[in-house]
N, C-alpha and C. Protein backbone atom coordinates (compact mmCIF):
# COMPACT_ATOMS: atom_id res chain seq x y z
N MET A 1 -92.11 4.28 -62.47
CA MET A 1 -92.70 3.25 -63.32
C MET A 1 -94.20 3.15 -63.05
N GLN A 2 -94.94 2.67 -64.02
CA GLN A 2 -96.34 2.40 -63.84
C GLN A 2 -96.48 1.14 -62.98
N ASN A 3 -97.71 0.92 -62.50
CA ASN A 3 -97.95 -0.24 -61.64
C ASN A 3 -97.55 -1.55 -62.31
N SER A 4 -97.75 -1.62 -63.63
CA SER A 4 -97.44 -2.86 -64.34
C SER A 4 -95.95 -3.15 -64.36
N TYR A 5 -95.13 -2.17 -63.97
CA TYR A 5 -93.69 -2.35 -63.98
C TYR A 5 -93.11 -2.64 -62.59
N ARG A 6 -93.98 -2.88 -61.62
CA ARG A 6 -93.48 -3.13 -60.26
C ARG A 6 -92.58 -4.35 -60.22
N GLY A 7 -92.90 -5.35 -61.03
CA GLY A 7 -92.07 -6.55 -61.06
C GLY A 7 -90.67 -6.27 -61.53
N VAL A 8 -90.53 -5.29 -62.42
CA VAL A 8 -89.20 -4.91 -62.91
C VAL A 8 -88.36 -4.37 -61.76
N ARG A 9 -88.98 -3.59 -60.89
CA ARG A 9 -88.27 -3.07 -59.73
C ARG A 9 -87.76 -4.22 -58.86
N ASN A 10 -88.59 -5.23 -58.67
CA ASN A 10 -88.17 -6.39 -57.87
C ASN A 10 -86.98 -7.10 -58.49
N CYS A 11 -86.94 -7.13 -59.82
CA CYS A 11 -85.79 -7.74 -60.51
C CYS A 11 -84.50 -6.99 -60.15
N LEU A 12 -84.59 -5.67 -60.11
CA LEU A 12 -83.41 -4.86 -59.79
C LEU A 12 -83.04 -4.96 -58.31
N VAL A 13 -84.04 -5.12 -57.45
CA VAL A 13 -83.75 -5.33 -56.02
C VAL A 13 -82.91 -6.58 -55.85
N ASP A 14 -83.27 -7.65 -56.55
CA ASP A 14 -82.49 -8.89 -56.49
C ASP A 14 -81.09 -8.69 -57.06
N TYR A 15 -80.99 -7.91 -58.12
CA TYR A 15 -79.70 -7.63 -58.76
C TYR A 15 -78.74 -6.97 -57.76
N TYR A 16 -79.20 -5.96 -57.06
CA TYR A 16 -78.31 -5.25 -56.13
C TYR A 16 -78.02 -6.06 -54.87
N SER A 17 -78.88 -7.03 -54.58
CA SER A 17 -78.63 -7.86 -53.40
C SER A 17 -77.38 -8.71 -53.57
N LEU A 18 -76.93 -8.92 -54.82
CA LEU A 18 -75.70 -9.68 -55.05
C LEU A 18 -74.50 -9.00 -54.41
N TRP A 19 -74.61 -7.70 -54.19
CA TRP A 19 -73.51 -6.95 -53.56
C TRP A 19 -73.87 -6.55 -52.14
N ASP A 20 -74.80 -7.31 -51.55
CA ASP A 20 -75.24 -7.05 -50.17
C ASP A 20 -75.78 -5.63 -50.01
N ILE A 21 -76.47 -5.16 -51.03
CA ILE A 21 -77.12 -3.85 -50.97
C ILE A 21 -78.63 -4.08 -50.93
N ASP A 22 -79.25 -3.61 -49.86
CA ASP A 22 -80.69 -3.76 -49.69
C ASP A 22 -81.39 -2.61 -50.41
N ALA A 23 -82.02 -2.92 -51.53
CA ALA A 23 -82.72 -1.90 -52.31
C ALA A 23 -84.23 -2.04 -52.18
N SER A 24 -84.68 -2.77 -51.16
CA SER A 24 -86.11 -3.00 -51.01
C SER A 24 -86.86 -1.70 -50.75
N ASP A 25 -86.19 -0.72 -50.17
CA ASP A 25 -86.80 0.58 -49.91
C ASP A 25 -86.15 1.63 -50.82
N VAL A 26 -84.90 1.96 -50.53
CA VAL A 26 -84.15 2.93 -51.34
C VAL A 26 -82.76 2.38 -51.62
N LEU A 27 -82.14 2.88 -52.67
CA LEU A 27 -80.75 2.55 -52.95
C LEU A 27 -79.84 3.58 -52.29
N PRO A 28 -78.65 3.16 -51.86
CA PRO A 28 -77.70 4.12 -51.30
C PRO A 28 -77.12 4.98 -52.41
N PRO A 29 -76.39 6.03 -52.07
CA PRO A 29 -75.70 6.80 -53.10
C PRO A 29 -74.85 5.88 -53.98
N TYR A 30 -74.73 6.23 -55.25
CA TYR A 30 -74.05 5.36 -56.21
C TYR A 30 -72.65 4.99 -55.77
N VAL A 31 -71.95 5.91 -55.11
CA VAL A 31 -70.56 5.66 -54.74
C VAL A 31 -70.45 4.42 -53.85
N LYS A 32 -71.47 4.14 -53.04
CA LYS A 32 -71.42 2.95 -52.18
C LYS A 32 -71.47 1.68 -53.03
N PHE A 33 -72.33 1.67 -54.03
CA PHE A 33 -72.40 0.53 -54.94
C PHE A 33 -71.09 0.38 -55.70
N PHE A 34 -70.55 1.49 -56.18
CA PHE A 34 -69.29 1.44 -56.93
C PHE A 34 -68.16 0.90 -56.06
N ASP A 35 -68.14 1.31 -54.80
CA ASP A 35 -67.11 0.81 -53.87
C ASP A 35 -67.24 -0.70 -53.68
N LYS A 36 -68.48 -1.20 -53.66
CA LYS A 36 -68.70 -2.65 -53.55
C LYS A 36 -68.12 -3.37 -54.76
N LEU A 37 -68.35 -2.80 -55.94
CA LEU A 37 -67.80 -3.39 -57.16
C LEU A 37 -66.28 -3.42 -57.12
N GLN A 38 -65.69 -2.30 -56.72
CA GLN A 38 -64.24 -2.22 -56.67
C GLN A 38 -63.66 -3.20 -55.66
N ASP A 39 -64.36 -3.37 -54.55
CA ASP A 39 -63.92 -4.32 -53.53
C ASP A 39 -63.95 -5.75 -54.08
N ASN A 40 -64.97 -6.06 -54.86
CA ASN A 40 -65.05 -7.38 -55.49
C ASN A 40 -63.90 -7.59 -56.46
N PHE A 41 -63.61 -6.58 -57.27
CA PHE A 41 -62.50 -6.68 -58.22
C PHE A 41 -61.17 -6.87 -57.49
N GLU A 42 -61.01 -6.15 -56.40
CA GLU A 42 -59.75 -6.22 -55.66
C GLU A 42 -59.51 -7.59 -55.04
N HIS A 43 -60.58 -8.21 -54.55
CA HIS A 43 -60.42 -9.47 -53.83
C HIS A 43 -60.70 -10.71 -54.69
N LEU A 44 -61.58 -10.57 -55.67
CA LEU A 44 -61.95 -11.73 -56.49
C LEU A 44 -61.33 -11.70 -57.88
N HIS A 45 -60.77 -10.55 -58.23
CA HIS A 45 -60.13 -10.38 -59.54
C HIS A 45 -61.13 -10.71 -60.65
N GLU A 46 -60.69 -11.47 -61.68
CA GLU A 46 -61.59 -11.70 -62.80
C GLU A 46 -62.83 -12.52 -62.43
N PHE A 47 -62.80 -13.20 -61.27
CA PHE A 47 -63.98 -13.96 -60.85
C PHE A 47 -65.13 -13.02 -60.46
N ALA A 48 -64.80 -11.76 -60.17
CA ALA A 48 -65.85 -10.78 -59.89
C ALA A 48 -66.73 -10.56 -61.11
N ILE A 49 -66.15 -10.77 -62.29
CA ILE A 49 -66.92 -10.61 -63.53
C ILE A 49 -68.04 -11.64 -63.59
N ASP A 50 -67.79 -12.84 -63.04
CA ASP A 50 -68.83 -13.87 -63.02
C ASP A 50 -70.05 -13.38 -62.24
N ILE A 51 -69.80 -12.71 -61.11
CA ILE A 51 -70.90 -12.20 -60.29
C ILE A 51 -71.67 -11.12 -61.03
N ILE A 52 -70.93 -10.20 -61.64
CA ILE A 52 -71.57 -9.12 -62.39
C ILE A 52 -72.44 -9.67 -63.51
N CYS A 53 -71.89 -10.61 -64.26
CA CYS A 53 -72.62 -11.12 -65.43
C CYS A 53 -73.76 -12.05 -65.04
N LEU A 54 -73.59 -12.78 -63.93
CA LEU A 54 -74.71 -13.55 -63.40
C LEU A 54 -75.86 -12.62 -63.06
N GLY A 55 -75.53 -11.53 -62.38
CA GLY A 55 -76.56 -10.55 -62.01
C GLY A 55 -77.22 -9.92 -63.22
N GLN A 56 -76.40 -9.58 -64.22
CA GLN A 56 -76.94 -8.99 -65.44
C GLN A 56 -77.89 -9.95 -66.15
N ASP A 57 -77.46 -11.20 -66.28
CA ASP A 57 -78.29 -12.19 -66.97
C ASP A 57 -79.61 -12.41 -66.24
N GLU A 58 -79.52 -12.56 -64.92
CA GLU A 58 -80.73 -12.83 -64.15
C GLU A 58 -81.68 -11.63 -64.17
N ALA A 59 -81.12 -10.42 -64.03
CA ALA A 59 -81.96 -9.22 -64.03
C ALA A 59 -82.61 -9.01 -65.39
N THR A 60 -81.83 -9.21 -66.45
CA THR A 60 -82.36 -9.02 -67.80
C THR A 60 -83.46 -10.03 -68.10
N ASN A 61 -83.21 -11.30 -67.77
CA ASN A 61 -84.23 -12.33 -68.00
C ASN A 61 -85.48 -12.07 -67.16
N CYS A 62 -85.27 -11.65 -65.93
CA CYS A 62 -86.38 -11.36 -65.02
C CYS A 62 -87.24 -10.22 -65.57
N MET A 63 -86.60 -9.14 -65.99
CA MET A 63 -87.34 -7.99 -66.52
C MET A 63 -88.06 -8.34 -67.81
N SER A 64 -87.38 -9.09 -68.66
CA SER A 64 -87.98 -9.49 -69.93
C SER A 64 -89.24 -10.32 -69.71
N MET A 65 -89.15 -11.28 -68.80
CA MET A 65 -90.30 -12.14 -68.51
C MET A 65 -91.43 -11.35 -67.86
N GLU A 66 -91.05 -10.45 -66.94
CA GLU A 66 -92.05 -9.65 -66.23
C GLU A 66 -92.85 -8.78 -67.20
N LEU A 67 -92.15 -8.14 -68.10
CA LEU A 67 -92.82 -7.24 -69.03
C LEU A 67 -93.59 -8.01 -70.10
N ALA A 68 -93.08 -9.18 -70.47
CA ALA A 68 -93.81 -10.02 -71.43
C ALA A 68 -95.14 -10.47 -70.84
N GLU A 69 -95.12 -10.82 -69.55
CA GLU A 69 -96.34 -11.26 -68.88
C GLU A 69 -97.37 -10.14 -68.81
N ASN A 70 -96.89 -8.88 -68.75
CA ASN A 70 -97.79 -7.74 -68.68
C ASN A 70 -98.12 -7.17 -70.05
N GLY A 71 -97.67 -7.88 -71.09
CA GLY A 71 -98.00 -7.46 -72.44
C GLY A 71 -97.28 -6.24 -72.93
N LYS A 72 -96.17 -5.89 -72.27
CA LYS A 72 -95.44 -4.69 -72.65
C LYS A 72 -94.43 -4.93 -73.77
N LEU A 73 -93.99 -6.15 -73.91
CA LEU A 73 -93.05 -6.51 -74.97
C LEU A 73 -93.00 -8.02 -75.07
N THR A 74 -92.43 -8.51 -76.15
CA THR A 74 -92.18 -9.94 -76.25
C THR A 74 -90.94 -10.27 -75.46
N ALA A 75 -90.80 -11.51 -75.05
CA ALA A 75 -89.73 -11.89 -74.13
C ALA A 75 -88.34 -11.71 -74.71
N ASP A 76 -88.23 -11.62 -76.04
CA ASP A 76 -86.89 -11.52 -76.62
C ASP A 76 -86.53 -10.11 -77.07
N GLU A 77 -87.35 -9.11 -76.73
CA GLU A 77 -87.02 -7.74 -77.11
C GLU A 77 -85.86 -7.21 -76.29
N ASN A 78 -85.16 -6.22 -76.85
CA ASN A 78 -83.97 -5.67 -76.22
C ASN A 78 -84.35 -4.71 -75.09
N LEU A 79 -83.88 -4.99 -73.89
CA LEU A 79 -84.23 -4.15 -72.75
C LEU A 79 -83.60 -2.77 -72.81
N ASP A 80 -82.59 -2.58 -73.67
CA ASP A 80 -81.99 -1.26 -73.80
C ASP A 80 -83.01 -0.24 -74.30
N ASP A 81 -84.07 -0.71 -74.95
CA ASP A 81 -85.08 0.20 -75.50
C ASP A 81 -86.19 0.53 -74.51
N LEU A 82 -86.16 -0.05 -73.32
CA LEU A 82 -87.22 0.15 -72.35
C LEU A 82 -86.92 1.37 -71.48
N ASP A 83 -87.00 2.54 -72.09
CA ASP A 83 -86.62 3.76 -71.39
C ASP A 83 -87.44 4.00 -70.13
N GLU A 84 -88.70 3.61 -70.17
CA GLU A 84 -89.57 3.87 -69.02
C GLU A 84 -89.10 3.11 -67.79
N CYS A 85 -88.56 1.90 -68.00
CA CYS A 85 -88.13 1.07 -66.88
C CYS A 85 -86.71 1.38 -66.43
N LEU A 86 -85.84 1.61 -67.40
CA LEU A 86 -84.42 1.74 -67.09
C LEU A 86 -83.92 3.17 -67.25
N SER A 87 -84.82 4.12 -67.15
CA SER A 87 -84.46 5.52 -67.30
C SER A 87 -84.02 6.12 -65.98
N VAL A 88 -83.46 7.31 -66.05
CA VAL A 88 -83.09 8.04 -64.84
C VAL A 88 -84.32 8.26 -63.97
N ALA A 89 -85.42 8.64 -64.60
CA ALA A 89 -86.66 8.88 -63.84
C ALA A 89 -87.12 7.61 -63.13
N GLY A 90 -86.93 6.46 -63.78
CA GLY A 90 -87.32 5.20 -63.16
C GLY A 90 -86.54 4.92 -61.89
N TRP A 91 -85.22 5.14 -61.94
CA TRP A 91 -84.39 4.92 -60.75
C TRP A 91 -84.74 5.93 -59.66
N MET A 92 -85.01 7.17 -60.04
CA MET A 92 -85.37 8.20 -59.04
C MET A 92 -86.67 7.84 -58.34
N GLU A 93 -87.67 7.48 -59.12
CA GLU A 93 -89.00 7.23 -58.57
C GLU A 93 -89.04 5.99 -57.70
N ASN A 94 -88.36 4.95 -58.13
CA ASN A 94 -88.51 3.66 -57.47
C ASN A 94 -87.48 3.36 -56.40
N PHE A 95 -86.38 4.12 -56.39
CA PHE A 95 -85.34 3.83 -55.41
C PHE A 95 -84.95 5.05 -54.58
N GLY A 96 -85.76 6.10 -54.64
CA GLY A 96 -85.54 7.26 -53.78
C GLY A 96 -84.22 7.96 -54.00
N LEU A 97 -83.78 8.03 -55.26
CA LEU A 97 -82.47 8.60 -55.57
C LEU A 97 -82.57 10.03 -56.06
N LYS A 98 -81.52 10.80 -55.77
CA LYS A 98 -81.39 12.11 -56.39
C LYS A 98 -80.97 11.91 -57.84
N LYS A 99 -81.15 12.95 -58.65
CA LYS A 99 -80.95 12.80 -60.09
C LYS A 99 -79.54 12.34 -60.45
N LEU A 100 -78.52 12.90 -59.80
CA LEU A 100 -77.15 12.54 -60.15
C LEU A 100 -76.89 11.06 -59.88
N ASP A 101 -77.32 10.57 -58.72
CA ASP A 101 -77.13 9.15 -58.40
C ASP A 101 -77.94 8.27 -59.35
N ALA A 102 -79.15 8.70 -59.68
CA ALA A 102 -79.98 7.92 -60.60
C ALA A 102 -79.31 7.81 -61.97
N ARG A 103 -78.70 8.89 -62.42
CA ARG A 103 -77.98 8.87 -63.70
C ARG A 103 -76.82 7.89 -63.64
N GLU A 104 -76.11 7.88 -62.52
CA GLU A 104 -74.96 6.98 -62.37
C GLU A 104 -75.41 5.52 -62.38
N TYR A 105 -76.46 5.22 -61.63
CA TYR A 105 -76.96 3.85 -61.58
C TYR A 105 -77.47 3.39 -62.95
N ALA A 106 -78.24 4.25 -63.61
CA ALA A 106 -78.82 3.89 -64.91
C ALA A 106 -77.74 3.65 -65.95
N ALA A 107 -76.74 4.53 -65.97
CA ALA A 107 -75.64 4.37 -66.93
C ALA A 107 -74.81 3.14 -66.59
N ASP A 108 -74.57 2.92 -65.30
CA ASP A 108 -73.77 1.77 -64.87
C ASP A 108 -74.40 0.46 -65.32
N PHE A 109 -75.72 0.35 -65.22
CA PHE A 109 -76.38 -0.89 -65.62
C PHE A 109 -76.11 -1.19 -67.09
N ARG A 110 -76.11 -0.16 -67.91
CA ARG A 110 -75.83 -0.35 -69.33
C ARG A 110 -74.36 -0.68 -69.58
N VAL A 111 -73.47 -0.04 -68.82
CA VAL A 111 -72.04 -0.32 -68.95
C VAL A 111 -71.75 -1.78 -68.60
N ARG A 112 -72.35 -2.26 -67.50
CA ARG A 112 -72.15 -3.66 -67.10
C ARG A 112 -72.70 -4.60 -68.17
N GLY A 113 -73.77 -4.18 -68.82
CA GLY A 113 -74.31 -4.99 -69.90
C GLY A 113 -73.32 -5.14 -71.04
N TYR A 114 -72.64 -4.04 -71.38
CA TYR A 114 -71.63 -4.11 -72.44
C TYR A 114 -70.47 -5.00 -72.01
N GLU A 115 -70.05 -4.87 -70.76
CA GLU A 115 -68.97 -5.73 -70.26
C GLU A 115 -69.34 -7.20 -70.39
N CYS A 116 -70.57 -7.52 -70.05
CA CYS A 116 -70.97 -8.93 -70.06
C CYS A 116 -71.21 -9.46 -71.47
N ARG A 117 -71.55 -8.58 -72.39
CA ARG A 117 -71.62 -9.02 -73.79
C ARG A 117 -70.23 -9.30 -74.34
N ASN A 118 -69.22 -8.78 -73.65
CA ASN A 118 -67.83 -8.99 -74.04
C ASN A 118 -67.06 -9.66 -72.90
N GLU A 119 -67.74 -10.57 -72.21
CA GLU A 119 -67.19 -11.19 -70.99
C GLU A 119 -65.86 -11.89 -71.24
N LYS A 120 -65.75 -12.62 -72.32
CA LYS A 120 -64.52 -13.36 -72.61
C LYS A 120 -63.34 -12.40 -72.77
N PHE A 121 -63.55 -11.34 -73.54
CA PHE A 121 -62.49 -10.34 -73.74
C PHE A 121 -62.11 -9.68 -72.42
N LEU A 122 -63.11 -9.34 -71.63
CA LEU A 122 -62.87 -8.68 -70.35
C LEU A 122 -62.04 -9.56 -69.43
N LYS A 123 -62.37 -10.84 -69.36
CA LYS A 123 -61.60 -11.75 -68.50
C LYS A 123 -60.17 -11.92 -69.00
N GLU A 124 -60.03 -12.04 -70.31
CA GLU A 124 -58.69 -12.24 -70.89
C GLU A 124 -57.77 -11.05 -70.63
N ASN A 125 -58.34 -9.88 -70.51
CA ASN A 125 -57.53 -8.66 -70.36
C ASN A 125 -57.63 -8.03 -68.98
N PHE A 126 -58.30 -8.73 -68.07
CA PHE A 126 -58.51 -8.17 -66.74
C PHE A 126 -57.20 -7.86 -66.03
N LYS A 127 -56.21 -8.73 -66.20
CA LYS A 127 -54.94 -8.56 -65.48
C LYS A 127 -54.17 -7.33 -65.92
N CYS A 128 -54.59 -6.72 -67.00
CA CYS A 128 -54.01 -5.43 -67.38
C CYS A 128 -55.00 -4.30 -67.09
N LEU A 129 -56.26 -4.54 -67.39
CA LEU A 129 -57.28 -3.50 -67.22
C LEU A 129 -57.38 -3.00 -65.79
N TYR A 130 -57.63 -3.91 -64.86
CA TYR A 130 -57.84 -3.47 -63.48
C TYR A 130 -56.60 -2.85 -62.87
N PRO A 131 -55.41 -3.48 -62.98
CA PRO A 131 -54.22 -2.84 -62.40
C PRO A 131 -53.96 -1.44 -62.96
N THR A 132 -54.30 -1.23 -64.23
CA THR A 132 -54.07 0.09 -64.82
C THR A 132 -54.93 1.15 -64.15
N THR A 133 -56.13 0.78 -63.72
CA THR A 133 -56.97 1.75 -63.02
C THR A 133 -56.34 2.16 -61.69
N GLN A 134 -55.46 1.32 -61.16
CA GLN A 134 -54.79 1.62 -59.90
C GLN A 134 -53.44 2.30 -60.13
N THR A 135 -52.60 1.70 -60.98
CA THR A 135 -51.25 2.22 -61.17
C THR A 135 -51.23 3.54 -61.94
N ARG A 136 -52.24 3.76 -62.77
CA ARG A 136 -52.30 5.01 -63.55
C ARG A 136 -53.43 5.92 -63.07
N LYS A 137 -53.83 5.73 -61.81
CA LYS A 137 -54.94 6.51 -61.27
C LYS A 137 -54.66 8.01 -61.35
N ALA A 138 -53.43 8.40 -61.05
CA ALA A 138 -53.09 9.82 -61.08
C ALA A 138 -53.29 10.40 -62.47
N ASP A 139 -52.90 9.64 -63.49
CA ASP A 139 -53.06 10.11 -64.86
C ASP A 139 -54.54 10.14 -65.27
N LEU A 140 -55.29 9.14 -64.83
CA LEU A 140 -56.72 9.13 -65.13
C LEU A 140 -57.43 10.28 -64.42
N ASP A 141 -56.95 10.62 -63.23
CA ASP A 141 -57.52 11.76 -62.51
C ASP A 141 -57.25 13.06 -63.25
N VAL A 142 -56.11 13.15 -63.92
CA VAL A 142 -55.80 14.33 -64.72
C VAL A 142 -56.82 14.47 -65.86
N CYS A 143 -57.17 13.33 -66.47
CA CYS A 143 -58.19 13.35 -67.53
C CYS A 143 -59.52 13.86 -66.98
N SER A 144 -59.88 13.38 -65.80
CA SER A 144 -61.15 13.79 -65.18
C SER A 144 -61.14 15.27 -64.83
N ALA A 145 -60.01 15.74 -64.29
CA ALA A 145 -59.90 17.15 -63.92
C ALA A 145 -60.01 18.05 -65.16
N ALA A 146 -59.38 17.61 -66.24
CA ALA A 146 -59.44 18.39 -67.49
C ALA A 146 -60.88 18.45 -68.01
N LEU A 147 -61.62 17.35 -67.86
CA LEU A 147 -63.02 17.33 -68.28
C LEU A 147 -63.83 18.34 -67.49
N ARG A 148 -63.69 18.32 -66.17
CA ARG A 148 -64.45 19.25 -65.34
C ARG A 148 -64.10 20.70 -65.67
N GLU A 149 -62.81 20.96 -65.85
CA GLU A 149 -62.37 22.33 -66.13
C GLU A 149 -62.89 22.80 -67.49
N ALA A 150 -62.82 21.91 -68.49
CA ALA A 150 -63.27 22.29 -69.83
C ALA A 150 -64.75 22.62 -69.86
N ILE A 151 -65.55 21.82 -69.15
CA ILE A 151 -66.99 22.08 -69.10
C ILE A 151 -67.27 23.39 -68.38
N ALA A 152 -66.52 23.63 -67.30
CA ALA A 152 -66.71 24.86 -66.53
C ALA A 152 -66.34 26.10 -67.34
N VAL A 153 -65.27 25.99 -68.12
CA VAL A 153 -64.77 27.15 -68.87
C VAL A 153 -65.51 27.32 -70.19
N LYS A 154 -65.62 26.22 -70.95
CA LYS A 154 -66.22 26.30 -72.29
C LYS A 154 -67.73 26.12 -72.27
N GLY A 155 -68.20 25.38 -71.29
CA GLY A 155 -69.62 25.06 -71.26
C GLY A 155 -70.04 24.14 -72.40
N GLU A 156 -69.06 23.50 -73.02
CA GLU A 156 -69.33 22.61 -74.16
C GLU A 156 -69.06 21.18 -73.75
N ALA A 157 -70.12 20.47 -73.36
CA ALA A 157 -69.95 19.14 -72.80
C ALA A 157 -69.44 18.13 -73.81
N CYS A 158 -69.96 18.17 -75.04
CA CYS A 158 -69.63 17.12 -76.02
C CYS A 158 -68.14 17.13 -76.36
N GLU A 159 -67.60 18.28 -76.66
CA GLU A 159 -66.18 18.37 -77.00
C GLU A 159 -65.32 17.95 -75.83
N ALA A 160 -65.68 18.41 -74.64
CA ALA A 160 -64.90 18.08 -73.44
C ALA A 160 -64.94 16.59 -73.15
N MET A 161 -66.08 15.97 -73.33
CA MET A 161 -66.19 14.53 -73.06
C MET A 161 -65.42 13.72 -74.09
N ASP A 162 -65.43 14.16 -75.34
CA ASP A 162 -64.65 13.46 -76.36
C ASP A 162 -63.16 13.52 -76.03
N GLU A 163 -62.71 14.67 -75.55
CA GLU A 163 -61.31 14.82 -75.15
C GLU A 163 -60.99 13.92 -73.95
N TYR A 164 -61.95 13.79 -73.04
CA TYR A 164 -61.76 12.92 -71.89
C TYR A 164 -61.63 11.46 -72.33
N ILE A 165 -62.48 11.04 -73.26
CA ILE A 165 -62.42 9.67 -73.76
C ILE A 165 -61.06 9.40 -74.39
N THR A 166 -60.59 10.34 -75.20
CA THR A 166 -59.28 10.18 -75.85
C THR A 166 -58.17 10.11 -74.82
N CYS A 167 -58.24 10.97 -73.82
CA CYS A 167 -57.23 11.00 -72.76
C CYS A 167 -57.18 9.66 -72.03
N SER A 168 -58.34 9.13 -71.68
CA SER A 168 -58.42 7.87 -70.93
C SER A 168 -57.95 6.69 -71.76
N ARG A 169 -58.42 6.62 -73.00
CA ARG A 169 -58.09 5.46 -73.81
C ARG A 169 -56.61 5.41 -74.16
N GLU A 170 -55.96 6.57 -74.26
CA GLU A 170 -54.53 6.58 -74.55
C GLU A 170 -53.72 5.98 -73.41
N ILE A 171 -54.19 6.17 -72.18
CA ILE A 171 -53.53 5.58 -71.02
C ILE A 171 -53.61 4.06 -71.09
N PHE A 172 -54.80 3.55 -71.42
CA PHE A 172 -54.97 2.10 -71.52
C PHE A 172 -54.26 1.54 -72.74
N ALA A 173 -54.15 2.33 -73.80
CA ALA A 173 -53.40 1.89 -74.97
C ALA A 173 -51.93 1.72 -74.62
N ASP A 174 -51.38 2.65 -73.84
CA ASP A 174 -49.98 2.56 -73.41
C ASP A 174 -49.72 1.30 -72.60
N GLU A 175 -50.66 0.95 -71.73
CA GLU A 175 -50.46 -0.16 -70.80
C GLU A 175 -50.91 -1.51 -71.37
N CYS A 176 -51.99 -1.50 -72.13
CA CYS A 176 -52.65 -2.77 -72.49
C CYS A 176 -52.82 -3.00 -73.99
N GLY A 177 -52.55 -2.00 -74.81
CA GLY A 177 -52.68 -2.17 -76.25
C GLY A 177 -53.95 -1.57 -76.82
N GLN A 178 -54.04 -1.56 -78.15
CA GLN A 178 -55.12 -0.87 -78.83
C GLN A 178 -56.48 -1.55 -78.65
N GLU A 179 -56.51 -2.87 -78.58
CA GLU A 179 -57.80 -3.55 -78.42
C GLU A 179 -58.45 -3.17 -77.10
N VAL A 180 -57.66 -3.15 -76.04
CA VAL A 180 -58.19 -2.75 -74.74
C VAL A 180 -58.57 -1.28 -74.76
N SER A 181 -57.77 -0.47 -75.44
CA SER A 181 -58.09 0.95 -75.58
C SER A 181 -59.45 1.15 -76.22
N SER A 182 -59.74 0.40 -77.26
CA SER A 182 -61.04 0.50 -77.94
C SER A 182 -62.17 0.03 -77.03
N PHE A 183 -61.91 -1.02 -76.27
CA PHE A 183 -62.89 -1.54 -75.32
C PHE A 183 -63.24 -0.47 -74.28
N VAL A 184 -62.22 0.18 -73.73
CA VAL A 184 -62.43 1.24 -72.74
C VAL A 184 -63.19 2.41 -73.37
N CYS A 185 -62.81 2.75 -74.58
CA CYS A 185 -63.49 3.82 -75.30
C CYS A 185 -64.99 3.55 -75.40
N ASN A 186 -65.34 2.32 -75.78
CA ASN A 186 -66.75 1.96 -75.89
C ASN A 186 -67.47 2.02 -74.55
N LEU A 187 -66.80 1.56 -73.49
CA LEU A 187 -67.40 1.61 -72.16
C LEU A 187 -67.74 3.04 -71.77
N VAL A 188 -66.78 3.94 -71.94
CA VAL A 188 -66.98 5.32 -71.52
C VAL A 188 -68.04 6.00 -72.40
N GLN A 189 -68.01 5.69 -73.69
CA GLN A 189 -69.00 6.29 -74.57
C GLN A 189 -70.41 5.85 -74.22
N ILE A 190 -70.59 4.59 -73.86
CA ILE A 190 -71.91 4.09 -73.48
C ILE A 190 -72.45 4.89 -72.30
N ALA A 191 -71.61 5.09 -71.29
CA ALA A 191 -72.03 5.84 -70.11
C ALA A 191 -72.36 7.28 -70.46
N MET A 192 -71.51 7.90 -71.27
CA MET A 192 -71.71 9.32 -71.58
C MET A 192 -72.88 9.54 -72.53
N LEU A 193 -73.04 8.66 -73.50
CA LEU A 193 -74.13 8.84 -74.45
C LEU A 193 -75.49 8.56 -73.83
N PHE A 194 -75.51 7.77 -72.77
CA PHE A 194 -76.77 7.55 -72.07
C PHE A 194 -77.30 8.87 -71.53
N ASN A 195 -76.40 9.67 -70.96
CA ASN A 195 -76.81 10.94 -70.38
C ASN A 195 -76.76 12.10 -71.37
N TYR A 196 -75.94 11.95 -72.42
CA TYR A 196 -75.80 13.03 -73.40
C TYR A 196 -75.91 12.47 -74.82
N PRO A 197 -77.07 11.96 -75.20
CA PRO A 197 -77.21 11.34 -76.52
C PRO A 197 -76.96 12.31 -77.67
N MET A 198 -77.11 13.60 -77.39
CA MET A 198 -76.90 14.60 -78.44
C MET A 198 -75.44 14.70 -78.86
N CYS A 199 -74.53 14.06 -78.11
CA CYS A 199 -73.10 14.15 -78.40
C CYS A 199 -72.61 13.06 -79.36
N ARG A 200 -73.50 12.17 -79.76
CA ARG A 200 -73.08 11.00 -80.54
C ARG A 200 -72.24 11.39 -81.76
N ASP A 201 -72.66 12.39 -82.50
CA ASP A 201 -71.95 12.76 -83.72
C ASP A 201 -70.65 13.50 -83.44
N ASP A 202 -70.44 13.92 -82.19
CA ASP A 202 -69.23 14.66 -81.83
C ASP A 202 -68.11 13.76 -81.32
N PHE A 203 -68.43 12.51 -81.05
CA PHE A 203 -67.43 11.59 -80.51
C PHE A 203 -66.68 10.89 -81.63
N HIS A 204 -65.38 10.70 -81.40
CA HIS A 204 -64.59 9.91 -82.34
C HIS A 204 -65.03 8.44 -82.28
N THR A 205 -64.84 7.74 -83.37
CA THR A 205 -65.17 6.31 -83.40
C THR A 205 -64.18 5.51 -82.57
N CYS A 206 -64.70 4.57 -81.78
CA CYS A 206 -63.81 3.77 -80.92
C CYS A 206 -63.05 2.71 -81.71
N GLN A 207 -63.63 2.21 -82.80
CA GLN A 207 -63.06 1.15 -83.63
C GLN A 207 -63.04 -0.19 -82.91
């Protein structure tokens, strides 16, 4: 980030502190942050969503105000468009991350944003959503393995990712119904399209 965006970094440092992660210097590998999230879900259940969305709201408001003060945008502009601040390069430069971890963190921030824009739905369906990630983990792992194999063999990321989305959402459809399936589809697409925007036209509609 440019010097005028230093305040944005401080907003994100505060965001990660909600999970007892000190980002004042560097962020740990993404898996450590993800494990913290999973631990919150396991012990706090749907109340963990309150923490996530509190952090999202505070970070978003903080970044919006910081950039408005520096004349970079008006306070009500959408932060999803601030590629310079919330890009992979931004996470790499400001938090000492390798590219893969930076991609995970950057995509995760957007995924959590989608969850919080649909906070009511997420809470109402949490008792099916979260347990399914545990009870059907083996099946979800099969989807992931098929994705890795398809990319390795075909070298065609878009088609393979679309198949992965379909594989995953069908598992949640079996357990939780079509509405949850569509919600999961949107979550996964947000993460994948952040890193592979060229695949947008190749993905099926989530509905």
